[in-house]
């Protein structure tokens, strides 16, 4: 199925998943009604390059995930907002809880959660055996703010004092290597995975899609160094963008690079586009990929997900590529799954 057909399929097919619980539930926090009031009470920390930083006096750090789509039970987001400014970012809606309706505020106004380690220490008793904690689901825990405020580092230092937890970190930043000493201590007594997000190996394309994130080669180097140090790390290729990053050669290059870096796994998830994110992403497409803009508009006109056929085909292609390069998918819990497609159906998606 070529991308020119996606809009037609999208209008013909509505799945139960598209109307069920979505990623919207990932970062909901206790007492969310008052989060805007807390944000307004926050103090300005400093101004950066077109970015302002504020304190956020939260009452809880550990958030229960209520989405059936997600494999983890708990989430931790050290910050609100993310300076990397990824054009496709699904988490922009979280600033709406702060009564901010401009999607660009998500990357321009960063809120730093106070007393994170102390809060986590009080709350870890809520986590039961077998429940996974995901660090960085609606913000990057190693965005530029972390260099100064070290909230993520404080969280990991607290984690290192405990045993038998399952912890997954999601980041686009090689700043994670700064905490290699702590990560090794966490991994000694807990099950830890560091998920490095790489959407493309093409530097110019990555710069357009993720303006302030580290280069893809630096992220792949982080995968290699983490694994050599004994910290399990792999790659998340997400989101995959139809007509932009979903070429078979492009995905194969990424899988090959992951294998060369000693990555423990790689999986891919397709684009998820809520209206608040579309308000930023679609104008970007019109400027950079005008031939694709209308197809995207039609495809996401009434739904946030791509059609099942596309997502299942992507999953099967990644399975094939993992086998080709000998990657045993040791951490596939985030990956989209679905019934196998025939080889003809799979390859016709691209």
C-alpha atoms as a PDB file:
ATOM      1  CA  UNK A   1       0.000   0.000   0.000  1.00  0.00           C
ATOM      2  CA  UNK A   2       1.582   3.265  -1.091  1.00  0.00           C
ATOM      3  CA  UNK A   3       1.192   6.294   1.130  1.00  0.00           C
ATOM      4  CA  UNK A   4      -1.064   7.883  -1.454  1.00  0.00           C
ATOM      5  CA  UNK A   5      -3.563   5.155  -0.535  1.00  0.00           C
ATOM      6  CA  UNK A   6      -3.305   5.670   3.208  1.00  0.00           C
ATOM      7  CA  UNK A   7      -5.838   8.471   3.346  1.00  0.00           C
ATOM      8  CA  UNK A   8      -8.375   6.306   1.519  1.00  0.00           C
ATOM      9  CA  UNK A   9      -7.778   3.380   3.880  1.00  0.00           C
ATOM     10  CA  UNK A  10      -7.999   5.670   6.884  1.00  0.00           C
ATOM     11  CA  UNK A  11     -11.435   6.862   5.845  1.00  0.00           C
ATOM     12  CA  UNK A  12     -12.650   3.330   5.145  1.00  0.00           C
ATOM     13  CA  UNK A  13     -11.373   1.647   8.270  1.00  0.00           C
ATOM     14  CA  UNK A  14     -12.080   2.524  11.881  1.00  0.00           C
ATOM     15  CA  UNK A  15     -10.731   0.217  14.527  1.00  0.00           C
ATOM     16  CA  UNK A  16     -11.692  -0.201  18.144  1.00  0.00           C
ATOM     17  CA  UNK A  17      -8.195   0.873  19.102  1.00  0.00           C
ATOM     18  CA  UNK A  18      -8.661   4.303  17.598  1.00  0.00           C
ATOM     19  CA  UNK A  19     -11.498   5.072  19.995  1.00  0.00           C
ATOM     20  CA  UNK A  20     -10.051   3.344  23.050  1.00  0.00           C
ATOM     21  CA  UNK A  21      -7.684   4.608  25.720  1.00  0.00           C
ATOM     22  CA  UNK A  22      -4.731   6.324  24.105  1.00  0.00           C
ATOM     23  CA  UNK A  23      -1.349   7.642  25.100  1.00  0.00           C
ATOM     24  CA  UNK A  24      -3.289  10.509  26.662  1.00  0.00           C
ATOM     25  CA  UNK A  25      -3.228   8.567  29.919  1.00  0.00           C
ATOM     26  CA  UNK A  26       0.537   8.213  30.130  1.00  0.00           C
ATOM     27  CA  UNK A  27       1.340  11.273  32.148  1.00  0.00           C
ATOM     28  CA  UNK A  28      -1.803  11.879  34.137  1.00  0.00           C
ATOM     29  CA  UNK A  29      -0.852  12.752  37.673  1.00  0.00           C
ATOM     30  CA  UNK A  30      -2.710  12.694  40.980  1.00  0.00           C
ATOM     31  CA  UNK A  31      -4.359  16.022  41.594  1.00  0.00           C
ATOM     32  CA  UNK A  32      -4.135  17.030  37.942  1.00  0.00           C
ATOM     33  CA  UNK A  33      -6.984  19.488  38.371  1.00  0.00           C
ATOM     34  CA  UNK A  34      -4.647  21.696  40.348  1.00  0.00           C
ATOM     35  CA  UNK A  35      -1.578  21.300  38.130  1.00  0.00           C
ATOM     36  CA  UNK A  36      -2.225  24.572  36.311  1.00  0.00           C
ATOM     37  CA  UNK A  37      -2.426  26.374  39.636  1.00  0.00           C
ATOM     38  CA  UNK A  38       0.866  24.802  40.721  1.00  0.00           C
ATOM     39  CA  UNK A  39       2.507  25.773  37.441  1.00  0.00           C
ATOM     40  CA  UNK A  40       1.399  29.373  37.838  1.00  0.00           C
ATOM     41  CA  UNK A  41       2.892  29.380  41.326  1.00  0.00           C
ATOM     42  CA  UNK A  42       6.242  28.140  40.008  1.00  0.00           C
ATOM     43  CA  UNK A  43       9.232  30.453  40.114  1.00  0.00           C
ATOM     44  CA  UNK A  44      11.224  31.392  37.037  1.00  0.00           C
ATOM     45  CA  UNK A  45      14.634  29.709  37.188  1.00  0.00           C
ATOM     46  CA  UNK A  46      16.285  31.277  34.151  1.00  0.00           C
ATOM     47  CA  UNK A  47      15.850  32.067  30.484  1.00  0.00           C
ATOM     48  CA  UNK A  48      17.725  30.094  27.859  1.00  0.00           C
ATOM     49  CA  UNK A  49      17.886  30.265  24.069  1.00  0.00           C
ATOM     50  CA  UNK A  50      14.188  30.926  23.356  1.00  0.00           C
ATOM     51  CA  UNK A  51      13.403  28.716  26.359  1.00  0.00           C
ATOM     52  CA  UNK A  52      12.182  29.655  29.833  1.00  0.00           C
ATOM     53  CA  UNK A  53      12.571  27.374  32.852  1.00  0.00           C
ATOM     54  CA  UNK A  54      10.242  27.265  35.855  1.00  0.00           C
ATOM     55  CA  UNK A  55       9.897  25.280  39.045  1.00  0.00           C
ATOM     56  CA  UNK A  56       6.918  22.943  39.390  1.00  0.00           C
ATOM     57  CA  UNK A  57       6.053  22.026  42.996  1.00  0.00           C
ATOM     58  CA  UNK A  58       4.349  18.666  42.378  1.00  0.00           C
ATOM     59  CA  UNK A  59       2.873  16.445  45.078  1.00  0.00           C
ATOM     60  CA  UNK A  60       3.673  13.143  43.353  1.00  0.00           C
ATOM     61  CA  UNK A  61       6.375  11.867  40.989  1.00  0.00           C
ATOM     62  CA  UNK A  62       5.256   8.308  40.301  1.00  0.00           C
ATOM     63  CA  UNK A  63       2.259   8.234  37.952  1.00  0.00           C
ATOM     64  CA  UNK A  64       0.115   5.192  37.246  1.00  0.00           C
ATOM     65  CA  UNK A  65      -0.330   4.430  33.561  1.00  0.00           C
ATOM     66  CA  UNK A  66      -3.945   3.593  32.751  1.00  0.00           C
ATOM     67  CA  UNK A  67      -3.553   2.968  29.022  1.00  0.00           C
ATOM     68  CA  UNK A  68      -4.044  -0.645  27.960  1.00  0.00           C
ATOM     69  CA  UNK A  69      -1.790   0.042  24.962  1.00  0.00           C
ATOM     70  CA  UNK A  70       1.268   0.516  27.120  1.00  0.00           C
ATOM     71  CA  UNK A  71       3.196  -2.377  28.763  1.00  0.00           C
ATOM     72  CA  UNK A  72       4.429  -0.449  31.788  1.00  0.00           C
ATOM     73  CA  UNK A  73       2.479   0.288  34.958  1.00  0.00           C
ATOM     74  CA  UNK A  74       4.189   3.442  36.201  1.00  0.00           C
ATOM     75  CA  UNK A  75       5.721   6.505  34.579  1.00  0.00           C
ATOM     76  CA  UNK A  76       8.133   9.156  35.800  1.00  0.00           C
ATOM     77  CA  UNK A  77       8.609  12.436  33.955  1.00  0.00           C
ATOM     78  CA  UNK A  78      11.244  14.641  35.639  1.00  0.00           C
ATOM     79  CA  UNK A  79      10.197  17.666  33.587  1.00  0.00           C
ATOM     80  CA  UNK A  80       7.114  19.046  31.881  1.00  0.00           C
ATOM     81  CA  UNK A  81       7.803  20.088  28.335  1.00  0.00           C
ATOM     82  CA  UNK A  82      10.796  19.162  26.210  1.00  0.00           C
ATOM     83  CA  UNK A  83      13.363  21.417  24.611  1.00  0.00           C
ATOM     84  CA  UNK A  84      14.207  19.013  21.769  1.00  0.00           C
ATOM     85  CA  UNK A  85      11.207  20.397  19.850  1.00  0.00           C
ATOM     86  CA  UNK A  86      10.478  17.247  17.827  1.00  0.00           C
ATOM     87  CA  UNK A  87       7.936  18.226  15.192  1.00  0.00           C
ATOM     88  CA  UNK A  88       5.852  15.082  15.632  1.00  0.00           C
ATOM     89  CA  UNK A  89       5.876  14.937  19.448  1.00  0.00           C
ATOM     90  CA  UNK A  90       2.644  13.412  20.783  1.00  0.00           C
ATOM     91  CA  UNK A  91       3.173  14.802  24.292  1.00  0.00           C
ATOM     92  CA  UNK A  92       2.482  18.442  23.435  1.00  0.00           C
ATOM     93  CA  UNK A  93      -1.031  18.061  24.815  1.00  0.00           C
ATOM     94  CA  UNK A  94       0.375  17.780  28.349  1.00  0.00           C
ATOM     95  CA  UNK A  95       0.910  21.541  28.449  1.00  0.00           C
ATOM     96  CA  UNK A  96      -2.830  21.945  27.974  1.00  0.00           C
ATOM     97  CA  UNK A  97      -3.161  20.854  31.600  1.00  0.00           C
ATOM     98  CA  UNK A  98      -1.185  23.999  32.402  1.00  0.00           C
ATOM     99  CA  UNK A  99      -3.779  26.020  30.466  1.00  0.00           C
ATOM    100  CA  UNK A 100      -1.372  26.574  27.566  1.00  0.00           C
ATOM    101  CA  UNK A 101      -2.990  26.060  24.173  1.00  0.00           C
ATOM    102  CA  UNK A 102      -0.084  26.996  21.935  1.00  0.00           C
ATOM    103  CA  UNK A 103       1.640  23.721  21.013  1.00  0.00           C
ATOM    104  CA  UNK A 104       4.988  25.492  20.762  1.00  0.00           C
ATOM    105  CA  UNK A 105       4.860  26.312  24.489  1.00  0.00           C
ATOM    106  CA  UNK A 106       5.752  22.668  25.120  1.00  0.00           C
ATOM    107  CA  UNK A 107       9.278  23.310  23.851  1.00  0.00           C
ATOM    108  CA  UNK A 108       9.617  26.901  25.063  1.00  0.00           C
ATOM    109  CA  UNK A 109       8.413  26.633  28.672  1.00  0.00           C
ATOM    110  CA  UNK A 110      10.076  23.838  30.613  1.00  0.00           C
ATOM    111  CA  UNK A 111       8.920  23.000  34.130  1.00  0.00           C
ATOM    112  CA  UNK A 112      11.390  21.415  36.546  1.00  0.00           C
ATOM    113  CA  UNK A 113       9.807  19.138  39.139  1.00  0.00           C
ATOM    114  CA  UNK A 114      10.988  19.861  42.647  1.00  0.00           C
ATOM    115  CA  UNK A 115      12.012  17.365  45.352  1.00  0.00           C
ATOM    116  CA  UNK A 116      11.887  14.461  42.872  1.00  0.00           C
ATOM    117  CA  UNK A 117      14.116  12.030  44.755  1.00  0.00           C
ATOM    118  CA  UNK A 118      12.340  12.631  48.063  1.00  0.00           C
ATOM    119  CA  UNK A 119       8.948  12.066  46.468  1.00  0.00           C
ATOM    120  CA  UNK A 120      10.120   8.887  44.755  1.00  0.00           C
ATOM    121  CA  UNK A 121      11.508   7.534  48.015  1.00  0.00           C
ATOM    122  CA  UNK A 122       8.077   7.923  49.591  1.00  0.00           C
ATOM    123  CA  UNK A 123       6.198   6.400  46.662  1.00  0.00           C
ATOM    124  CA  UNK A 124       8.217   3.374  45.555  1.00  0.00           C
ATOM    125  CA  UNK A 125       6.327   1.199  48.002  1.00  0.00           C
ATOM    126  CA  UNK A 126       3.320   1.478  45.672  1.00  0.00           C
ATOM    127  CA  UNK A 127       5.138  -0.516  42.974  1.00  0.00           C
ATOM    128  CA  UNK A 128       4.376  -4.235  43.057  1.00  0.00           C
ATOM    129  CA  UNK A 129       6.561  -7.065  41.831  1.00  0.00           C
ATOM    130  CA  UNK A 130       6.528  -7.335  38.034  1.00  0.00           C
ATOM    131  CA  UNK A 131       5.325  -3.781  37.470  1.00  0.00           C
ATOM    132  CA  UNK A 132       7.592  -1.719  35.241  1.00  0.00           C
ATOM    133  CA  UNK A 133       8.563   1.909  35.753  1.00  0.00           C
ATOM    134  CA  UNK A 134       9.130   3.937  32.567  1.00  0.00           C
ATOM    135  CA  UNK A 135      11.300   7.037  32.933  1.00  0.00           C
ATOM    136  CA  UNK A 136      10.668   9.620  30.234  1.00  0.00           C
ATOM    137  CA  UNK A 137       7.350   8.953  28.480  1.00  0.00           C
ATOM    138  CA  UNK A 138       6.124  12.508  27.934  1.00  0.00           C
ATOM    139  CA  UNK A 139       9.386  14.412  28.174  1.00  0.00           C
ATOM    140  CA  UNK A 140      13.018  13.548  27.536  1.00  0.00           C
ATOM    141  CA  UNK A 141      14.736  12.978  30.892  1.00  0.00           C
ATOM    142  CA  UNK A 142      18.066  13.982  29.326  1.00  0.00           C
ATOM    143  CA  UNK A 143      17.018  17.141  27.539  1.00  0.00           C
ATOM    144  CA  UNK A 144      19.301  20.215  27.969  1.00  0.00           C
ATOM    145  CA  UNK A 145      17.630  21.185  31.262  1.00  0.00           C
ATOM    146  CA  UNK A 146      19.046  18.020  32.833  1.00  0.00           C
ATOM    147  CA  UNK A 147      22.610  19.299  32.397  1.00  0.00           C
ATOM    148  CA  UNK A 148      21.828  22.071  34.854  1.00  0.00           C
ATOM    149  CA  UNK A 149      19.136  20.733  37.189  1.00  0.00           C
ATOM    150  CA  UNK A 150      20.083  17.005  37.374  1.00  0.00           C
ATOM    151  CA  UNK A 151      16.583  15.840  38.310  1.00  0.00           C
ATOM    152  CA  UNK A 152      16.989  12.576  36.386  1.00  0.00           C
ATOM    153  CA  UNK A 153      20.327  11.920  38.049  1.00  0.00           C
ATOM    154  CA  UNK A 154      18.759  12.381  41.481  1.00  0.00           C
ATOM    155  CA  UNK A 155      15.997   9.927  40.559  1.00  0.00           C
ATOM    156  CA  UNK A 156      18.529   7.324  39.438  1.00  0.00           C
ATOM    157  CA  UNK A 157      20.568   7.792  42.593  1.00  0.00           C
ATOM    158  CA  UNK A 158      17.441   6.925  44.565  1.00  0.00           C
ATOM    159  CA  UNK A 159      16.744   3.920  42.309  1.00  0.00           C
ATOM    160  CA  UNK A 160      20.275   2.653  42.933  1.00  0.00           C
ATOM    161  CA  UNK A 161      19.399   2.240  46.611  1.00  0.00           C
ATOM    162  CA  UNK A 162      16.668  -0.295  45.832  1.00  0.00           C
ATOM    163  CA  UNK A 163      16.389  -3.828  44.484  1.00  0.00           C
ATOM    164  CA  UNK A 164      14.220  -5.890  42.133  1.00  0.00           C
ATOM    165  CA  UNK A 165      12.539  -3.126  40.152  1.00  0.00           C
ATOM    166  CA  UNK A 166      11.985  -3.137  36.384  1.00  0.00           C
ATOM    167  CA  UNK A 167      13.026   0.194  34.898  1.00  0.00           C
ATOM    168  CA  UNK A 168      13.032   1.481  31.343  1.00  0.00           C
ATOM    169  CA  UNK A 169      14.541   4.826  30.302  1.00  0.00           C
ATOM    170  CA  UNK A 170      13.563   6.523  27.032  1.00  0.00           C
ATOM    171  CA  UNK A 171      15.766   9.281  25.621  1.00  0.00           C
ATOM    172  CA  UNK A 172      17.150  10.824  22.447  1.00  0.00           C
ATOM    173  CA  UNK A 173      20.231  12.159  24.212  1.00  0.00           C
ATOM    174  CA  UNK A 174      23.778  10.942  24.633  1.00  0.00           C
ATOM    175  CA  UNK A 175      23.792  12.894  27.909  1.00  0.00           C
ATOM    176  CA  UNK A 176      22.679   9.587  29.400  1.00  0.00           C
ATOM    177  CA  UNK A 177      26.362   8.586  29.336  1.00  0.00           C
ATOM    178  CA  UNK A 178      27.042  11.154  32.048  1.00  0.00           C
ATOM    179  CA  UNK A 179      25.198   8.862  34.456  1.00  0.00           C
ATOM    180  CA  UNK A 180      26.911   5.645  33.411  1.00  0.00           C
ATOM    181  CA  UNK A 181      28.266   5.100  36.913  1.00  0.00           C
ATOM    182  CA  UNK A 182      24.812   5.322  38.469  1.00  0.00           C
ATOM    183  CA  UNK A 183      23.177   3.278  35.712  1.00  0.00           C
ATOM    184  CA  UNK A 184      25.621   0.455  36.373  1.00  0.00           C
ATOM    185  CA  UNK A 185      24.704   0.514  40.060  1.00  0.00           C
ATOM    186  CA  UNK A 186      20.983   0.502  39.231  1.00  0.00           C
ATOM    187  CA  UNK A 187      21.484  -2.434  36.850  1.00  0.00           C
ATOM    188  CA  UNK A 188      23.308  -4.488  39.462  1.00  0.00           C
ATOM    189  CA  UNK A 189      20.161  -5.067  41.502  1.00  0.00           C
ATOM    190  CA  UNK A 190      17.324  -4.179  39.119  1.00  0.00           C
ATOM    191  CA  UNK A 191      16.247  -4.997  35.584  1.00  0.00           C
ATOM    192  CA  UNK A 192      17.226  -1.902  33.610  1.00  0.00           C
ATOM    193  CA  UNK A 193      16.932  -1.048  29.919  1.00  0.00           C
ATOM    194  CA  UNK A 194      17.974   2.207  28.277  1.00  0.00           C
ATOM    195  CA  UNK A 195      15.932   2.887  25.146  1.00  0.00           C
ATOM    196  CA  UNK A 196      17.620   5.300  22.739  1.00  0.00           C
ATOM    197  CA  UNK A 197      15.198   6.770  20.212  1.00  0.00           C
ATOM    198  CA  UNK A 198      16.571   7.060  16.674  1.00  0.00           C
ATOM    199  CA  UNK A 199      14.097   7.875  13.914  1.00  0.00           C
ATOM    200  CA  UNK A 200      16.615   8.182  11.073  1.00  0.00           C
ATOM    201  CA  UNK A 201      20.369   7.996  10.531  1.00  0.00           C
ATOM    202  CA  UNK A 202      20.236  10.910   8.090  1.00  0.00           C
ATOM    203  CA  UNK A 203      21.676  13.893   9.937  1.00  0.00           C
ATOM    204  CA  UNK A 204      19.944  16.612   7.903  1.00  0.00           C
ATOM    205  CA  UNK A 205      16.574  14.902   8.172  1.00  0.00           C
ATOM    206  CA  UNK A 206      17.006  14.331  11.904  1.00  0.00           C
ATOM    207  CA  UNK A 207      17.875  17.994  12.356  1.00  0.00           C
ATOM    208  CA  UNK A 208      14.684  19.016  10.570  1.00  0.00           C
ATOM    209  CA  UNK A 209      12.476  16.598  12.503  1.00  0.00           C
ATOM    210  CA  UNK A 210      14.170  16.948  15.913  1.00  0.00           C
ATOM    211  CA  UNK A 211      15.818  20.382  15.829  1.00  0.00           C
ATOM    212  CA  UNK A 212      17.573  20.387  19.201  1.00  0.00           C
ATOM    213  CA  UNK A 213      18.201  16.695  19.802  1.00  0.00           C
ATOM    214  CA  UNK A 214      21.716  15.209  19.527  1.00  0.00           C
ATOM    215  CA  UNK A 215      22.769  13.818  16.145  1.00  0.00           C
ATOM    216  CA  UNK A 216      21.798  10.217  15.335  1.00  0.00           C
ATOM    217  CA  UNK A 217      25.426   9.055  15.286  1.00  0.00           C
ATOM    218  CA  UNK A 218      25.906  10.348  18.839  1.00  0.00           C
ATOM    219  CA  UNK A 219      22.851   8.409  19.954  1.00  0.00           C
ATOM    220  CA  UNK A 220      24.116   5.218  18.320  1.00  0.00           C
ATOM    221  CA  UNK A 221      27.472   5.753  20.001  1.00  0.00           C
ATOM    222  CA  UNK A 222      25.615   5.953  23.308  1.00  0.00           C
ATOM    223  CA  UNK A 223      23.981   2.572  22.581  1.00  0.00           C
ATOM    224  CA  UNK A 224      27.413   1.076  22.000  1.00  0.00           C
ATOM    225  CA  UNK A 225      29.027   2.567  25.110  1.00  0.00           C
ATOM    226  CA  UNK A 226      26.136   1.595  27.360  1.00  0.00           C
ATOM    227  CA  UNK A 227      26.233  -2.023  26.245  1.00  0.00           C
ATOM    228  CA  UNK A 228      30.017  -2.222  26.521  1.00  0.00           C
ATOM    229  CA  UNK A 229      29.657  -0.989  30.097  1.00  0.00           C
ATOM    230  CA  UNK A 230      27.149  -3.713  30.906  1.00  0.00           C
ATOM    231  CA  UNK A 231      24.006  -1.560  30.779  1.00  0.00           C
ATOM    232  CA  UNK A 232      21.432  -3.127  28.442  1.00  0.00           C
ATOM    233  CA  UNK A 233      20.500  -0.671  25.700  1.00  0.00           C
ATOM    234  CA  UNK A 234      18.669  -0.767  22.406  1.00  0.00           C
ATOM    235  CA  UNK A 235      16.903   1.408  19.868  1.00  0.00           C
ATOM    236  CA  UNK A 236      13.349   2.628  19.510  1.00  0.00           C
ATOM    237  CA  UNK A 237      12.594   3.767  15.982  1.00  0.00           C
ATOM    238  CA  UNK A 238       9.549   5.885  16.733  1.00  0.00           C
ATOM    239  CA  UNK A 239       7.661   7.374  15.246  1.00  0.00           C
ATOM    240  CA  UNK A 240       8.077   5.963  11.769  1.00  0.00           C
ATOM    241  CA  UNK A 241       6.826   8.605   9.336  1.00  0.00           C
ATOM    242  CA  UNK A 242       5.188   7.358   6.101  1.00  0.00           C
ATOM    243  CA  UNK A 243       6.932   8.608   3.004  1.00  0.00           C
ATOM    244  CA  UNK A 244       9.715  10.195   5.091  1.00  0.00           C
ATOM    245  CA  UNK A 245      11.489   7.631   7.274  1.00  0.00           C
ATOM    246  CA  UNK A 246       9.768   4.358   6.353  1.00  0.00           C
ATOM    247  CA  UNK A 247      11.861   3.339   3.334  1.00  0.00           C
ATOM    248  CA  UNK A 248      13.046  -0.270   3.541  1.00  0.00           C
ATOM    249  CA  UNK A 249      16.666   0.775   2.953  1.00  0.00           C
ATOM    250  CA  UNK A 250      16.441   3.421   5.651  1.00  0.00           C
ATOM    251  CA  UNK A 251      15.001   1.023   8.212  1.00  0.00           C
ATOM    252  CA  UNK A 252      17.501  -1.658   7.270  1.00  0.00           C
ATOM    253  CA  UNK A 253      20.374   0.795   7.739  1.00  0.00           C
ATOM    254  CA  UNK A 254      19.094   1.560  11.213  1.00  0.00           C
ATOM    255  CA  UNK A 255      18.759  -2.108  12.153  1.00  0.00           C
ATOM    256  CA  UNK A 256      22.253  -2.800  10.785  1.00  0.00           C
ATOM    257  CA  UNK A 257      23.690   0.102  12.791  1.00  0.00           C
ATOM    258  CA  UNK A 258      21.955  -1.158  15.934  1.00  0.00           C
ATOM    259  CA  UNK A 259      23.494  -4.584  15.474  1.00  0.00           C
ATOM    260  CA  UNK A 260      26.924  -3.024  14.937  1.00  0.00           C
ATOM    261  CA  UNK A 261      26.505  -1.040  18.175  1.00  0.00           C
ATOM    262  CA  UNK A 262      25.681  -4.195  20.119  1.00  0.00           C
ATOM    263  CA  UNK A 263      22.077  -3.105  20.653  1.00  0.00           C
ATOM    264  CA  UNK A 264      20.034  -5.633  22.583  1.00  0.00           C
ATOM    265  CA  UNK A 265      16.906  -4.892  20.566  1.00  0.00           C
ATOM    266  CA  UNK A 266      15.298  -2.573  18.062  1.00  0.00           C
ATOM    267  CA  UNK A 267      11.638  -2.061  17.359  1.00  0.00           C
ATOM    268  CA  UNK A 268       9.545   0.488  15.543  1.00  0.00           C
ATOM    269  CA  UNK A 269       6.214   2.175  16.151  1.00  0.00           C
ATOM    270  CA  UNK A 270       4.326   4.244  13.619  1.00  0.00           C
ATOM    271  CA  UNK A 271       3.246   7.859  13.911  1.00  0.00           C
ATOM    272  CA  UNK A 272       0.630   8.771  16.511  1.00  0.00           C
ATOM    273  CA  UNK A 273      -0.777  12.244  15.866  1.00  0.00           C
ATOM    274  CA  UNK A 274      -3.156  13.942  18.274  1.00  0.00           C
ATOM    275  CA  UNK A 275      -4.759  17.235  17.152  1.00  0.00           C
ATOM    276  CA  UNK A 276      -2.453  19.381  19.298  1.00  0.00           C
ATOM    277  CA  UNK A 277       0.565  17.702  17.700  1.00  0.00           C
ATOM    278  CA  UNK A 278      -0.927  17.925  14.212  1.00  0.00           C
ATOM    279  CA  UNK A 279      -1.177  21.689  14.681  1.00  0.00           C
ATOM    280  CA  UNK A 280       2.635  21.791  14.743  1.00  0.00           C
ATOM    281  CA  UNK A 281       3.494  18.834  12.508  1.00  0.00           C
ATOM    282  CA  UNK A 282       1.208  19.487   9.541  1.00  0.00           C
ATOM    283  CA  UNK A 283       2.444  23.064   8.909  1.00  0.00           C
ATOM    284  CA  UNK A 284       5.977  21.642   9.111  1.00  0.00           C
ATOM    285  CA  UNK A 285       5.057  19.115   6.407  1.00  0.00           C
ATOM    286  CA  UNK A 286       3.692  21.858   4.199  1.00  0.00           C
ATOM    287  CA  UNK A 287       7.043  23.633   4.372  1.00  0.00           C
ATOM    288  CA  UNK A 288       9.403  20.665   4.147  1.00  0.00           C
ATOM    289  CA  UNK A 289       7.374  17.895   2.457  1.00  0.00           C
ATOM    290  CA  UNK A 290       4.575  19.668   0.561  1.00  0.00           C
ATOM    291  CA  UNK A 291       3.835  16.629  -1.626  1.00  0.00           C
ATOM    292  CA  UNK A 292       2.902  14.615   1.473  1.00  0.00           C
ATOM    293  CA  UNK A 293       1.002  17.229   3.444  1.00  0.00           C
ATOM    294  CA  UNK A 294      -2.464  16.604   2.027  1.00  0.00           C
ATOM    295  CA  UNK A 295      -2.175  12.819   2.347  1.00  0.00           C
ATOM    296  CA  UNK A 296      -1.274  13.221   5.997  1.00  0.00           C
ATOM    297  CA  UNK A 297      -4.161  15.632   6.543  1.00  0.00           C
ATOM    298  CA  UNK A 298      -6.646  13.179   5.137  1.00  0.00           C
ATOM    299  CA  UNK A 299      -5.141  10.206   6.941  1.00  0.00           C
ATOM    300  CA  UNK A 300      -5.245  11.856  10.368  1.00  0.00           C
ATOM    301  CA  UNK A 301      -8.429  13.832   9.802  1.00  0.00           C
ATOM    302  CA  UNK A 302     -10.565  11.677  12.107  1.00  0.00           C
ATOM    303  CA  UNK A 303      -8.087   9.497  13.955  1.00  0.00           C
ATOM    304  CA  UNK A 304      -4.742   9.605  15.706  1.00  0.00           C
ATOM    305  CA  UNK A 305      -3.384   6.296  14.397  1.00  0.00           C
ATOM    306  CA  UNK A 306      -2.319   5.004  11.010  1.00  0.00           C
ATOM    307  CA  UNK A 307      -4.360   2.128   9.542  1.00  0.00           C
ATOM    308  CA  UNK A 308      -3.861  -1.378  10.928  1.00  0.00           C
ATOM    309  CA  UNK A 309      -2.451  -2.634   7.634  1.00  0.00           C
ATOM    310  CA  UNK A 310       0.375  -0.111   7.738  1.00  0.00           C
ATOM    311  CA  UNK A 311       1.263  -0.768  11.372  1.00  0.00           C
ATOM    312  CA  UNK A 312       1.162  -4.532  11.028  1.00  0.00           C
ATOM    313  CA  UNK A 313       3.270  -4.404   7.883  1.00  0.00           C
ATOM    314  CA  UNK A 314       5.851  -2.275   9.643  1.00  0.00           C
ATOM    315  CA  UNK A 315       5.989  -4.735  12.527  1.00  0.00           C
ATOM    316  CA  UNK A 316       6.539  -7.667  10.185  1.00  0.00           C
ATOM    317  CA  UNK A 317       9.237  -5.853   8.234  1.00  0.00           C
ATOM    318  CA  UNK A 318      11.119  -5.112  11.459  1.00  0.00           C
ATOM    319  CA  UNK A 319      10.851  -8.777  12.460  1.00  0.00           C
ATOM    320  CA  UNK A 320      12.447  -9.738   9.163  1.00  0.00           C
ATOM    321  CA  UNK A 321      15.257  -7.212   9.523  1.00  0.00           C
ATOM    322  CA  UNK A 322      16.019  -8.273  13.095  1.00  0.00           C
ATOM    323  CA  UNK A 323      16.385 -11.867  11.954  1.00  0.00           C
ATOM    324  CA  UNK A 324      18.637 -10.804   9.085  1.00  0.00           C
ATOM    325  CA  UNK A 325      21.050  -8.985  11.407  1.00  0.00           C
ATOM    326  CA  UNK A 326      20.862 -11.404  14.302  1.00  0.00           C
ATOM    327  CA  UNK A 327      19.171  -9.157  16.843  1.00  0.00           C
ATOM    328  CA  UNK A 328      17.315 -11.129  19.460  1.00  0.00           C
ATOM    329  CA  UNK A 329      14.581  -8.756  20.485  1.00  0.00           C
ATOM    330  CA  UNK A 330      15.201  -8.926  24.216  1.00  0.00           C
ATOM    331  CA  UNK A 331      12.882  -6.068  25.054  1.00  0.00           C
ATOM    332  CA  UNK A 332       9.971  -6.146  22.650  1.00  0.00           C
ATOM    333  CA  UNK A 333       7.244  -5.161  25.076  1.00  0.00           C
ATOM    334  CA  UNK A 334       6.717  -1.727  23.522  1.00  0.00           C
ATOM    335  CA  UNK A 335       6.529  -3.011  19.944  1.00  0.00           C
ATOM    336  CA  UNK A 336       3.299  -2.961  17.996  1.00  0.00           C
ATOM    337  CA  UNK A 337       2.051  -6.446  17.272  1.00  0.00           C
ATOM    338  CA  UNK A 338      -0.420  -7.959  14.885  1.00  0.00           C
ATOM    339  CA  UNK A 339      -1.132 -11.019  12.733  1.00  0.00           C
ATOM    340  CA  UNK A 340       1.462 -11.872  10.123  1.00  0.00           C
ATOM    341  CA  UNK A 341       1.001 -10.486   6.650  1.00  0.00           C
ATOM    342  CA  UNK A 342       2.194 -12.174   3.508  1.00  0.00           C
ATOM    343  CA  UNK A 343       5.499 -10.975   2.085  1.00  0.00           C
ATOM    344  CA  UNK A 344       3.645  -9.336  -0.803  1.00  0.00           C
ATOM    345  CA  UNK A 345       1.363  -7.395   1.509  1.00  0.00           C
ATOM    346  CA  UNK A 346       4.210  -6.363   3.760  1.00  0.00           C
ATOM    347  CA  UNK A 347       6.495  -4.946   1.125  1.00  0.00           C
ATOM    348  CA  UNK A 348       3.698  -3.171  -0.751  1.00  0.00           C
ATOM    349  CA  UNK A 349       3.345  -0.789   2.194  1.00  0.00           C
ATOM    350  CA  UNK A 350       6.487   1.062   1.246  1.00  0.00           C
END
